[in-house]
Amino acid sequence: MAVQPINRDDLPFRLISGVVDADQFNDVGINFPATWNDSNFSGVLPRGMPIAQCYPVSREIPMLVCEAMSEARIRRYDELATQIMNGPGVYRRQHRSKRGAP
């Protein structure tokens, strides 16, 4: 799945999002079609400018389990929701993996 680089509304183009069977179609690379939205831009895109963000999409059908939440799960949900509503940074400080950690 190729999409516009997230949080990059400053780019002079808009990528047309789509799924490419890159495991089967890769002998010529992958084209990333886009529309140009900066009519004043002239030249070459700077080295390092992101042009696409790609996410792997599995061909395997996932097994989903949908069930009612247990009382313990509801209690954990309510506790975390209360923490989040009481102030910013809960996810970043308590739940996000440290950079470089597996």
PDB file of N, CA and C in Angstrom:
ATOM      1  N   MET A   1       0.851  -1.163   0.000  1.00  0.00           N
ATOM      2  CA  MET A   1       0.000   0.000   0.000  1.00  0.00           C
ATOM      3  C   MET A   1       0.896   1.225   0.000  1.00  0.00           C
ATOM      4  N   ALA A   2       0.789   2.033  -1.013  1.00  0.00           N
ATOM      5  CA  ALA A   2       1.574   3.267  -1.112  1.00  0.00           C
ATOM      6  C   ALA A   2       0.645   4.454  -0.889  1.00  0.00           C
ATOM      7  N   VAL A   3       1.063   5.367  -0.021  1.00  0.00           N
ATOM      8  CA  VAL A   3       0.254   6.538   0.308  1.00  0.00           C
ATOM      9  C   VAL A   3       1.141   7.784   0.364  1.00  0.00           C
ATOM     10  N   GLN A   4       0.510   8.940   0.370  1.00  0.00           N
ATOM     11  CA  GLN A   4       1.207  10.210   0.590  1.00  0.00           C
ATOM     12  C   GLN A   4       1.935  10.110   1.926  1.00  0.00           C
ATOM     13  N   PRO A   5       3.193  10.543   2.007  1.00  0.00           N
ATOM     14  CA  PRO A   5       3.871  10.522   3.314  1.00  0.00           C
ATOM     15  C   PRO A   5       3.027  11.245   4.366  1.00  0.00           C
ATOM     16  N   ILE A   6       2.800  10.578   5.498  1.00  0.00           N
ATOM     17  CA  ILE A   6       1.909  11.136   6.505  1.00  0.00           C
ATOM     18  C   ILE A   6       2.460  12.441   7.070  1.00  0.00           C
ATOM     19  N   ASN A   7       1.543  13.332   7.381  1.00  0.00           N
ATOM     20  CA  ASN A   7       1.863  14.641   7.975  1.00  0.00           C
ATOM     21  C   ASN A   7       2.767  15.479   7.082  1.00  0.00           C
ATOM     22  N   ARG A   8       2.709  15.289   5.773  1.00  0.00           N
ATOM     23  CA  ARG A   8       3.547  16.051   4.848  1.00  0.00           C
ATOM     24  C   ARG A   8       2.678  16.771   3.817  1.00  0.00           C
ATOM     25  N   ASP A   9       1.853  17.690   4.298  1.00  0.00           N
ATOM     26  CA  ASP A   9       1.024  18.495   3.411  1.00  0.00           C
ATOM     27  C   ASP A   9       1.841  19.569   2.698  1.00  0.00           C
ATOM     28  N   ASP A  10       3.124  19.700   3.066  1.00  0.00           N
ATOM     29  CA  ASP A  10       3.987  20.707   2.453  1.00  0.00           C
ATOM     30  C   ASP A  10       4.577  20.256   1.117  1.00  0.00           C
ATOM     31  N   LEU A  11       4.409  19.004   0.752  1.00  0.00           N
ATOM     32  CA  LEU A  11       5.013  18.502  -0.486  1.00  0.00           C
ATOM     33  C   LEU A  11       4.325  19.114  -1.696  1.00  0.00           C
ATOM     34  N   PRO A  12       5.062  19.324  -2.790  1.00  0.00           N
ATOM     35  CA  PRO A  12       4.482  19.984  -3.967  1.00  0.00           C
ATOM     36  C   PRO A  12       3.624  19.052  -4.818  1.00  0.00           C
ATOM     37  N   PHE A  13       3.324  17.866  -4.325  1.00  0.00           N
ATOM     38  CA  PHE A  13       2.528  16.901  -5.069  1.00  0.00           C
ATOM     39  C   PHE A  13       1.632  16.148  -4.104  1.00  0.00           C
ATOM     40  N   ARG A  14       0.647  15.457  -4.646  1.00  0.00           N
ATOM     41  CA  ARG A  14      -0.234  14.599  -3.863  1.00  0.00           C
ATOM     42  C   ARG A  14      -0.193  13.214  -4.489  1.00  0.00           C
ATOM     43  N   LEU A  15       0.322  12.249  -3.727  1.00  0.00           N
ATOM     44  CA  LEU A  15       0.419  10.881  -4.219  1.00  0.00           C
ATOM     45  C   LEU A  15      -0.975  10.273  -4.342  1.00  0.00           C
ATOM     46  N   ILE A  16      -1.185   9.512  -5.399  1.00  0.00           N
ATOM     47  CA  ILE A  16      -2.430   8.772  -5.558  1.00  0.00           C
ATOM     48  C   ILE A  16      -2.236   7.435  -4.850  1.00  0.00           C
ATOM     49  N   SER A  17      -2.947   7.240  -3.755  1.00  0.00           N
ATOM     50  CA  SER A  17      -2.786   6.040  -2.934  1.00  0.00           C
ATOM     51  C   SER A  17      -3.272   4.805  -3.664  1.00  0.00           C
ATOM     52  N   GLY A  18      -2.606   3.683  -3.405  1.00  0.00           N
ATOM     53  CA  GLY A  18      -3.042   2.440  -4.010  1.00  0.00           C
ATOM     54  C   GLY A  18      -2.226   1.259  -3.554  1.00  0.00           C
ATOM     55  N   VAL A  19      -2.741   0.083  -3.860  1.00  0.00           N
ATOM     56  CA  VAL A  19      -2.070  -1.169  -3.534  1.00  0.00           C
ATOM     57  C   VAL A  19      -1.415  -1.706  -4.797  1.00  0.00           C
ATOM     58  N   VAL A  20      -0.158  -2.125  -4.679  1.00  0.00           N
ATOM     59  CA  VAL A  20       0.582  -2.707  -5.790  1.00  0.00           C
ATOM     60  C   VAL A  20       1.001  -4.111  -5.383  1.00  0.00           C
ATOM     61  N   ASP A  21       0.798  -5.069  -6.258  1.00  0.00           N
ATOM     62  CA  ASP A  21       1.257  -6.433  -5.999  1.00  0.00           C
ATOM     63  C   ASP A  21       2.774  -6.486  -6.194  1.00  0.00           C
ATOM     64  N   ALA A  22       3.508  -5.843  -5.294  1.00  0.00           N
ATOM     65  CA  ALA A  22       4.952  -5.689  -5.449  1.00  0.00           C
ATOM     66  C   ALA A  22       5.699  -7.006  -5.355  1.00  0.00           C
ATOM     67  N   ASP A  23       5.097  -8.024  -4.750  1.00  0.00           N
ATOM     68  CA  ASP A  23       5.753  -9.324  -4.702  1.00  0.00           C
ATOM     69  C   ASP A  23       5.722 -10.009  -6.062  1.00  0.00           C
ATOM     70  N   GLN A  24       4.803  -9.592  -6.921  1.00  0.00           N
ATOM     71  CA  GLN A  24       4.695 -10.177  -8.256  1.00  0.00           C
ATOM     72  C   GLN A  24       5.113  -9.197  -9.362  1.00  0.00           C
ATOM     73  N   PHE A  25       4.966  -7.912  -9.108  1.00  0.00           N
ATOM     74  CA  PHE A  25       5.272  -6.886 -10.109  1.00  0.00           C
ATOM     75  C   PHE A  25       6.391  -6.013  -9.575  1.00  0.00           C
ATOM     76  N   ASN A  26       7.641  -6.369  -9.895  1.00  0.00           N
ATOM     77  CA  ASN A  26       8.747  -5.591  -9.330  1.00  0.00           C
ATOM     78  C   ASN A  26       9.963  -5.509 -10.248  1.00  0.00           C
ATOM     79  N   ASP A  27       9.882  -6.061 -11.447  1.00  0.00           N
ATOM     80  CA  ASP A  27      11.045  -6.045 -12.342  1.00  0.00           C
ATOM     81  C   ASP A  27      11.427  -4.644 -12.814  1.00  0.00           C
ATOM     82  N   VAL A  28      10.480  -3.719 -12.816  1.00  0.00           N
ATOM     83  CA  VAL A  28      10.781  -2.354 -13.261  1.00  0.00           C
ATOM     84  C   VAL A  28      10.599  -1.351 -12.124  1.00  0.00           C
ATOM     85  N   GLY A  29      10.555  -1.835 -10.912  1.00  0.00           N
ATOM     86  CA  GLY A  29      10.312  -0.942  -9.788  1.00  0.00           C
ATOM     87  C   GLY A  29       8.824  -0.660  -9.675  1.00  0.00           C
ATOM     88  N   ILE A  30       8.481   0.252  -8.815  1.00  0.00           N
ATOM     89  CA  ILE A  30       7.081   0.602  -8.601  1.00  0.00           C
ATOM     90  C   ILE A  30       6.900   2.074  -8.944  1.00  0.00           C
ATOM     91  N   ASN A  31       5.930   2.357  -9.781  1.00  0.00           N
ATOM     92  CA  ASN A  31       5.598   3.750 -10.101  1.00  0.00           C
ATOM     93  C   ASN A  31       4.688   4.299  -9.011  1.00  0.00           C
ATOM     94  N   PHE A  32       4.907   5.534  -8.649  1.00  0.00           N
ATOM     95  CA  PHE A  32       4.067   6.207  -7.668  1.00  0.00           C
ATOM     96  C   PHE A  32       3.380   7.378  -8.359  1.00  0.00           C
ATOM     97  N   PRO A  33       2.211   7.161  -8.964  1.00  0.00           N
ATOM     98  CA  PRO A  33       1.542   8.267  -9.643  1.00  0.00           C
ATOM     99  C   PRO A  33       1.108   9.340  -8.652  1.00  0.00           C
ATOM    100  N   ALA A  34       1.157  10.579  -9.114  1.00  0.00           N
ATOM    101  CA  ALA A  34       0.821  11.706  -8.250  1.00  0.00           C
ATOM    102  C   ALA A  34       0.252  12.837  -9.091  1.00  0.00           C
ATOM    103  N   THR A  35      -0.396  13.751  -8.418  1.00  0.00           N
ATOM    104  CA  THR A  35      -0.837  14.987  -9.054  1.00  0.00           C
ATOM    105  C   THR A  35       0.036  16.112  -8.529  1.00  0.00           C
ATOM    106  N   TRP A  36       0.369  17.031  -9.394  1.00  0.00           N
ATOM    107  CA  TRP A  36       1.212  18.163  -9.030  1.00  0.00           C
ATOM    108  C   TRP A  36       0.329  19.263  -8.488  1.00  0.00           C
ATOM    109  N   ASN A  37       0.609  19.787  -7.299  1.00  0.00           N
ATOM    110  CA  ASN A  37      -0.256  20.827  -6.733  1.00  0.00           C
ATOM    111  C   ASN A  37       0.451  22.148  -6.493  1.00  0.00           C
ATOM    112  N   ASP A  38       1.705  22.260  -6.870  1.00  0.00           N
ATOM    113  CA  ASP A  38       2.435  23.521  -6.743  1.00  0.00           C
ATOM    114  C   ASP A  38       2.780  24.000  -8.144  1.00  0.00           C
ATOM    115  N   SER A  39       1.931  24.867  -8.688  1.00  0.00           N
ATOM    116  CA  SER A  39       2.137  25.326 -10.066  1.00  0.00           C
ATOM    117  C   SER A  39       3.385  26.188 -10.207  1.00  0.00           C
ATOM    118  N   ASN A  40       3.949  26.670  -9.116  1.00  0.00           N
ATOM    119  CA  ASN A  40       5.152  27.509  -9.184  1.00  0.00           C
ATOM    120  C   ASN A  40       6.439  26.699  -9.101  1.00  0.00           C
ATOM    121  N   PHE A  41       6.348  25.400  -8.813  1.00  0.00           N
ATOM    122  CA  PHE A  41       7.555  24.593  -8.674  1.00  0.00           C
ATOM    123  C   PHE A  41       8.166  24.325 -10.039  1.00  0.00           C
ATOM    124  N   SER A  42       9.469  24.497 -10.120  1.00  0.00           N
ATOM    125  CA  SER A  42      10.206  24.187 -11.338  1.00  0.00           C
ATOM    126  C   SER A  42      11.543  23.613 -10.912  1.00  0.00           C
ATOM    127  N   GLY A  43      11.922  22.471 -11.492  1.00  0.00           N
ATOM    128  CA  GLY A  43      13.218  21.910 -11.150  1.00  0.00           C
ATOM    129  C   GLY A  43      13.143  20.459 -10.738  1.00  0.00           C
ATOM    130  N   VAL A  44      14.049  20.088  -9.849  1.00  0.00           N
ATOM    131  CA  VAL A  44      14.181  18.713  -9.399  1.00  0.00           C
ATOM    132  C   VAL A  44      13.851  18.671  -7.911  1.00  0.00           C
ATOM    133  N   LEU A  45      13.149  17.628  -7.495  1.00  0.00           N
ATOM    134  CA  LEU A  45      12.860  17.478  -6.067  1.00  0.00           C
ATOM    135  C   LEU A  45      14.175  17.300  -5.315  1.00  0.00           C
ATOM    136  N   PRO A  46      14.304  17.914  -4.155  1.00  0.00           N
ATOM    137  CA  PRO A  46      15.546  17.793  -3.387  1.00  0.00           C
ATOM    138  C   PRO A  46      15.814  16.358  -2.945  1.00  0.00           C
ATOM    139  N   ARG A  47      17.078  16.005  -2.905  1.00  0.00           N
ATOM    140  CA  ARG A  47      17.480  14.683  -2.417  1.00  0.00           C
ATOM    141  C   ARG A  47      16.940  14.487  -1.004  1.00  0.00           C
ATOM    142  N   GLY A  48      16.390  13.321  -0.774  1.00  0.00           N
ATOM    143  CA  GLY A  48      15.873  12.990   0.553  1.00  0.00           C
ATOM    144  C   GLY A  48      14.418  13.348   0.764  1.00  0.00           C
ATOM    145  N   MET A  49      13.803  14.090  -0.162  1.00  0.00           N
ATOM    146  CA  MET A  49      12.394  14.434  -0.002  1.00  0.00           C
ATOM    147  C   MET A  49      11.566  13.150  -0.096  1.00  0.00           C
ATOM    148  N   PRO A  50      10.715  12.890   0.884  1.00  0.00           N
ATOM    149  CA  PRO A  50       9.895  11.677   0.809  1.00  0.00           C
ATOM    150  C   PRO A  50       8.874  11.800  -0.308  1.00  0.00           C
ATOM    151  N   ILE A  51       8.709  10.716  -1.054  1.00  0.00           N
ATOM    152  CA  ILE A  51       7.725  10.751  -2.137  1.00  0.00           C
ATOM    153  C   ILE A  51       6.588   9.772  -1.900  1.00  0.00           C
ATOM    154  N   ALA A  52       6.809   8.761  -1.093  1.00  0.00           N
ATOM    155  CA  ALA A  52       5.765   7.772  -0.822  1.00  0.00           C
ATOM    156  C   ALA A  52       6.036   7.110   0.514  1.00  0.00           C
ATOM    157  N   GLN A  53       4.987   6.691   1.155  1.00  0.00           N
ATOM    158  CA  GLN A  53       5.105   5.890   2.363  1.00  0.00           C
ATOM    159  C   GLN A  53       4.419   4.570   2.051  1.00  0.00           C
ATOM    160  N   CYS A  54       5.134   3.477   2.293  1.00  0.00           N
ATOM    161  CA  CYS A  54       4.623   2.167   1.901  1.00  0.00           C
ATOM    162  C   CYS A  54       4.400   1.290   3.126  1.00  0.00           C
ATOM    163  N   TYR A  55       3.300   0.574   3.087  1.00  0.00           N
ATOM    164  CA  TYR A  55       2.946  -0.357   4.150  1.00  0.00           C
ATOM    165  C   TYR A  55       2.744  -1.736   3.537  1.00  0.00           C
ATOM    166  N   PRO A  56       3.339  -2.762   4.118  1.00  0.00           N
ATOM    167  CA  PRO A  56       3.100  -4.112   3.591  1.00  0.00           C
ATOM    168  C   PRO A  56       1.670  -4.551   3.895  1.00  0.00           C
ATOM    169  N   VAL A  57       1.075  -5.243   2.962  1.00  0.00           N
ATOM    170  CA  VAL A  57      -0.277  -5.771   3.129  1.00  0.00           C
ATOM    171  C   VAL A  57      -0.190  -7.280   2.922  1.00  0.00           C
ATOM    172  N   SER A  58      -0.539  -8.024   3.929  1.00  0.00           N
ATOM    173  CA  SER A  58      -0.469  -9.474   3.856  1.00  0.00           C
ATOM    174  C   SER A  58      -1.567 -10.027   2.953  1.00  0.00           C
ATOM    175  N   ARG A  59      -1.236 -11.064   2.219  1.00  0.00           N
ATOM    176  CA  ARG A  59      -2.243 -11.734   1.397  1.00  0.00           C
ATOM    177  C   ARG A  59      -3.068 -12.708   2.228  1.00  0.00           C
ATOM    178  N   GLU A  60      -2.574 -13.068   3.398  1.00  0.00           N
ATOM    179  CA  GLU A  60      -3.293 -14.013   4.254  1.00  0.00           C
ATOM    180  C   GLU A  60      -4.490 -13.321   4.901  1.00  0.00           C
ATOM    181  N   ILE A  61      -5.592 -14.020   4.966  1.00  0.00           N
ATOM    182  CA  ILE A  61      -6.792 -13.478   5.592  1.00  0.00           C
ATOM    183  C   ILE A  61      -6.622 -13.590   7.108  1.00  0.00           C
ATOM    184  N   PRO A  62      -6.731 -12.471   7.823  1.00  0.00           N
ATOM    185  CA  PRO A  62      -6.538 -12.537   9.278  1.00  0.00           C
ATOM    186  C   PRO A  62      -7.716 -13.230   9.966  1.00  0.00           C
ATOM    187  N   MET A  63      -7.412 -13.877  11.051  1.00  0.00           N
ATOM    188  CA  MET A  63      -8.461 -14.469  11.885  1.00  0.00           C
ATOM    189  C   MET A  63      -8.866 -13.423  12.918  1.00  0.00           C
ATOM    190  N   LEU A  64     -10.080 -12.961  12.833  1.00  0.00           N
ATOM    191  CA  LEU A  64     -10.569 -11.945  13.756  1.00  0.00           C
ATOM    192  C   LEU A  64     -11.476 -12.599  14.797  1.00  0.00           C
ATOM    193  N   VAL A  65     -11.327 -12.136  16.017  1.00  0.00           N
ATOM    194  CA  VAL A  65     -12.184 -12.617  17.094  1.00  0.00           C
ATOM    195  C   VAL A  65     -12.909 -11.413  17.663  1.00  0.00           C
ATOM    196  N   CYS A  66     -14.210 -11.422  17.593  1.00  0.00           N
ATOM    197  CA  CYS A  66     -15.030 -10.342  18.141  1.00  0.00           C
ATOM    198  C   CYS A  66     -15.840 -10.914  19.290  1.00  0.00           C
ATOM    199  N   GLU A  67     -15.679 -10.301  20.439  1.00  0.00           N
ATOM    200  CA  GLU A  67     -16.392 -10.806  21.611  1.00  0.00           C
ATOM    201  C   GLU A  67     -16.634  -9.664  22.583  1.00  0.00           C
ATOM    202  N   ALA A  68     -17.542  -9.874  23.490  1.00  0.00           N
ATOM    203  CA  ALA A  68     -17.837  -8.868  24.505  1.00  0.00           C
ATOM    204  C   ALA A  68     -16.628  -8.694  25.422  1.00  0.00           C
ATOM    205  N   MET A  69     -16.447  -7.468  25.919  1.00  0.00           N
ATOM    206  CA  MET A  69     -15.342  -7.211  26.840  1.00  0.00           C
ATOM    207  C   MET A  69     -15.684  -7.780  28.219  1.00  0.00           C
ATOM    208  N   SER A  70     -14.670  -8.358  28.846  1.00  0.00           N
ATOM    209  CA  SER A  70     -14.855  -8.891  30.200  1.00  0.00           C
ATOM    210  C   SER A  70     -14.923  -7.730  31.190  1.00  0.00           C
ATOM    211  N   GLU A  71     -15.372  -8.029  32.399  1.00  0.00           N
ATOM    212  CA  GLU A  71     -15.420  -6.998  33.447  1.00  0.00           C
ATOM    213  C   GLU A  71     -14.022  -6.428  33.709  1.00  0.00           C
ATOM    214  N   ALA A  72     -13.002  -7.301  33.729  1.00  0.00           N
ATOM    215  CA  ALA A  72     -11.622  -6.838  33.956  1.00  0.00           C
ATOM    216  C   ALA A  72     -11.178  -5.917  32.824  1.00  0.00           C
ATOM    217  N   ARG A  73     -11.518  -6.258  31.595  1.00  0.00           N
ATOM    218  CA  ARG A  73     -11.145  -5.431  30.443  1.00  0.00           C
ATOM    219  C   ARG A  73     -11.868  -4.088  30.483  1.00  0.00           C
ATOM    220  N   ILE A  74     -13.129  -4.087  30.860  1.00  0.00           N
ATOM    221  CA  ILE A  74     -13.883  -2.835  30.988  1.00  0.00           C
ATOM    222  C   ILE A  74     -13.255  -1.953  32.057  1.00  0.00           C
ATOM    223  N   ARG A  75     -12.838  -2.550  33.164  1.00  0.00           N
ATOM    224  CA  ARG A  75     -12.195  -1.799  34.247  1.00  0.00           C
ATOM    225  C   ARG A  75     -10.887  -1.166  33.764  1.00  0.00           C
ATOM    226  N   ARG A  76     -10.043  -1.933  33.039  1.00  0.00           N
ATOM    227  CA  ARG A  76      -8.784  -1.382  32.503  1.00  0.00           C
ATOM    228  C   ARG A  76      -9.072  -0.262  31.500  1.00  0.00           C
ATOM    229  N   TYR A  77     -10.090  -0.455  30.672  1.00  0.00           N
ATOM    230  CA  TYR A  77     -10.477   0.570  29.697  1.00  0.00           C
ATOM    231  C   TYR A  77     -10.852   1.865  30.422  1.00  0.00           C
ATOM    232  N   ASP A  78     -11.712   1.756  31.420  1.00  0.00           N
ATOM    233  CA  ASP A  78     -12.161   2.942  32.157  1.00  0.00           C
ATOM    234  C   ASP A  78     -11.001   3.648  32.862  1.00  0.00           C
ATOM    235  N   GLU A  79     -10.084   2.868  33.442  1.00  0.00           N
ATOM    236  CA  GLU A  79      -8.930   3.463  34.129  1.00  0.00           C
ATOM    237  C   GLU A  79      -8.050   4.236  33.150  1.00  0.00           C
ATOM    238  N   LEU A  80      -7.759   3.640  32.006  1.00  0.00           N
ATOM    239  CA  LEU A  80      -6.906   4.306  31.031  1.00  0.00           C
ATOM    240  C   LEU A  80      -7.610   5.516  30.421  1.00  0.00           C
ATOM    241  N   ALA A  81      -8.895   5.401  30.127  1.00  0.00           N
ATOM    242  CA  ALA A  81      -9.642   6.535  29.579  1.00  0.00           C
ATOM    243  C   ALA A  81      -9.622   7.708  30.556  1.00  0.00           C
ATOM    244  N   THR A  82      -9.750   7.428  31.847  1.00  0.00           N
ATOM    245  CA  THR A  82      -9.697   8.487  32.862  1.00  0.00           C
ATOM    246  C   THR A  82      -8.330   9.154  32.875  1.00  0.00           C
ATOM    247  N   GLN A  83      -7.253   8.358  32.796  1.00  0.00           N
ATOM    248  CA  GLN A  83      -5.898   8.929  32.759  1.00  0.00           C
ATOM    249  C   GLN A  83      -5.734   9.843  31.545  1.00  0.00           C
ATOM    250  N   ILE A  84      -6.210   9.386  30.395  1.00  0.00           N
ATOM    251  CA  ILE A  84      -6.080  10.164  29.163  1.00  0.00           C
ATOM    252  C   ILE A  84      -6.838  11.484  29.270  1.00  0.00           C
ATOM    253  N   MET A  85      -8.020  11.447  29.847  1.00  0.00           N
ATOM    254  CA  MET A  85      -8.829  12.665  29.974  1.00  0.00           C
ATOM    255  C   MET A  85      -8.263  13.628  31.020  1.00  0.00           C
ATOM    256  N   ASN A  86      -7.452  13.130  31.948  1.00  0.00           N
ATOM    257  CA  ASN A  86      -6.899  13.978  33.005  1.00  0.00           C
ATOM    258  C   ASN A  86      -5.656  14.752  32.583  1.00  0.00           C
ATOM    259  N   GLY A  87      -5.082  14.456  31.435  1.00  0.00           N
ATOM    260  CA  GLY A  87      -3.915  15.225  31.013  1.00  0.00           C
ATOM    261  C   GLY A  87      -3.212  14.598  29.835  1.00  0.00           C
ATOM    262  N   PRO A  88      -2.443  15.402  29.113  1.00  0.00           N
ATOM    263  CA  PRO A  88      -1.766  14.909  27.915  1.00  0.00           C
ATOM    264  C   PRO A  88      -0.546  14.051  28.237  1.00  0.00           C
ATOM    265  N   GLY A  89      -0.098  13.303  27.234  1.00  0.00           N
ATOM    266  CA  GLY A  89       1.161  12.582  27.320  1.00  0.00           C
ATOM    267  C   GLY A  89       1.080  11.179  27.903  1.00  0.00           C
ATOM    268  N   VAL A  90      -0.117  10.687  28.199  1.00  0.00           N
ATOM    269  CA  VAL A  90      -0.242   9.359  28.815  1.00  0.00           C
ATOM    270  C   VAL A  90       0.326   8.288  27.898  1.00  0.00           C
ATOM    271  N   TYR A  91      -0.078   8.305  26.646  1.00  0.00           N
ATOM    272  CA  TYR A  91       0.430   7.290  25.715  1.00  0.00           C
ATOM    273  C   TYR A  91       1.947   7.395  25.594  1.00  0.00           C
ATOM    274  N   ARG A  92       2.468   8.602  25.339  1.00  0.00           N
ATOM    275  CA  ARG A  92       3.902   8.795  25.123  1.00  0.00           C
ATOM    276  C   ARG A  92       4.716   8.348  26.329  1.00  0.00           C
ATOM    277  N   ARG A  93       4.297   8.708  27.531  1.00  0.00           N
ATOM    278  CA  ARG A  93       5.072   8.399  28.737  1.00  0.00           C
ATOM    279  C   ARG A  93       4.918   6.961  29.212  1.00  0.00           C
ATOM    280  N   GLN A  94       3.749   6.363  29.039  1.00  0.00           N
ATOM    281  CA  GLN A  94       3.487   5.072  29.669  1.00  0.00           C
ATOM    282  C   GLN A  94       3.342   3.894  28.705  1.00  0.00           C
ATOM    283  N   HIS A  95       3.071   4.155  27.415  1.00  0.00           N
ATOM    284  CA  HIS A  95       2.726   3.044  26.543  1.00  0.00           C
ATOM    285  C   HIS A  95       3.571   2.946  25.265  1.00  0.00           C
ATOM    286  N   ARG A  96       4.115   4.041  24.809  1.00  0.00           N
ATOM    287  CA  ARG A  96       4.876   4.011  23.570  1.00  0.00           C
ATOM    288  C   ARG A  96       6.227   3.343  23.785  1.00  0.00           C
ATOM    289  N   SER A  97       6.630   2.479  22.869  1.00  0.00           N
ATOM    290  CA  SER A  97       7.933   1.820  22.956  1.00  0.00           C
ATOM    291  C   SER A  97       9.036   2.865  22.842  1.00  0.00           C
ATOM    292  N   LYS A  98      10.103   2.655  23.561  1.00  0.00           N
ATOM    293  CA  LYS A  98      11.259   3.538  23.467  1.00  0.00           C
ATOM    294  C   LYS A  98      11.909   3.356  22.096  1.00  0.00           C
ATOM    295  N   ARG A  99      12.445   4.428  21.529  1.00  0.00           N
ATOM    296  CA  ARG A  99      13.099   4.336  20.227  1.00  0.00           C
ATOM    297  C   ARG A  99      14.259   3.361  20.295  1.00  0.00           C
ATOM    298  N   GLY A 100      14.335   2.497  19.299  1.00  0.00           N
ATOM    299  CA  GLY A 100      15.395   1.503  19.245  1.00  0.00           C
ATOM    300  C   GLY A 100      15.070   0.225  19.996  1.00  0.00           C
ATOM    301  N   ALA A 101      13.974   0.234  20.757  1.00  0.00           N
ATOM    302  CA  ALA A 101      13.588  -0.988  21.476  1.00  0.00           C
ATOM    303  C   ALA A 101      12.827  -1.915  20.541  1.00  0.00           C
ATOM    304  N   PRO A 102      12.988  -3.202  20.709  1.00  0.00           N
ATOM    305  CA  PRO A 102      12.260  -4.140  19.840  1.00  0.00           C
ATOM    306  C   PRO A 102      10.774  -4.141  20.107  1.00  0.00           C
TER     307      PRO A 102
END
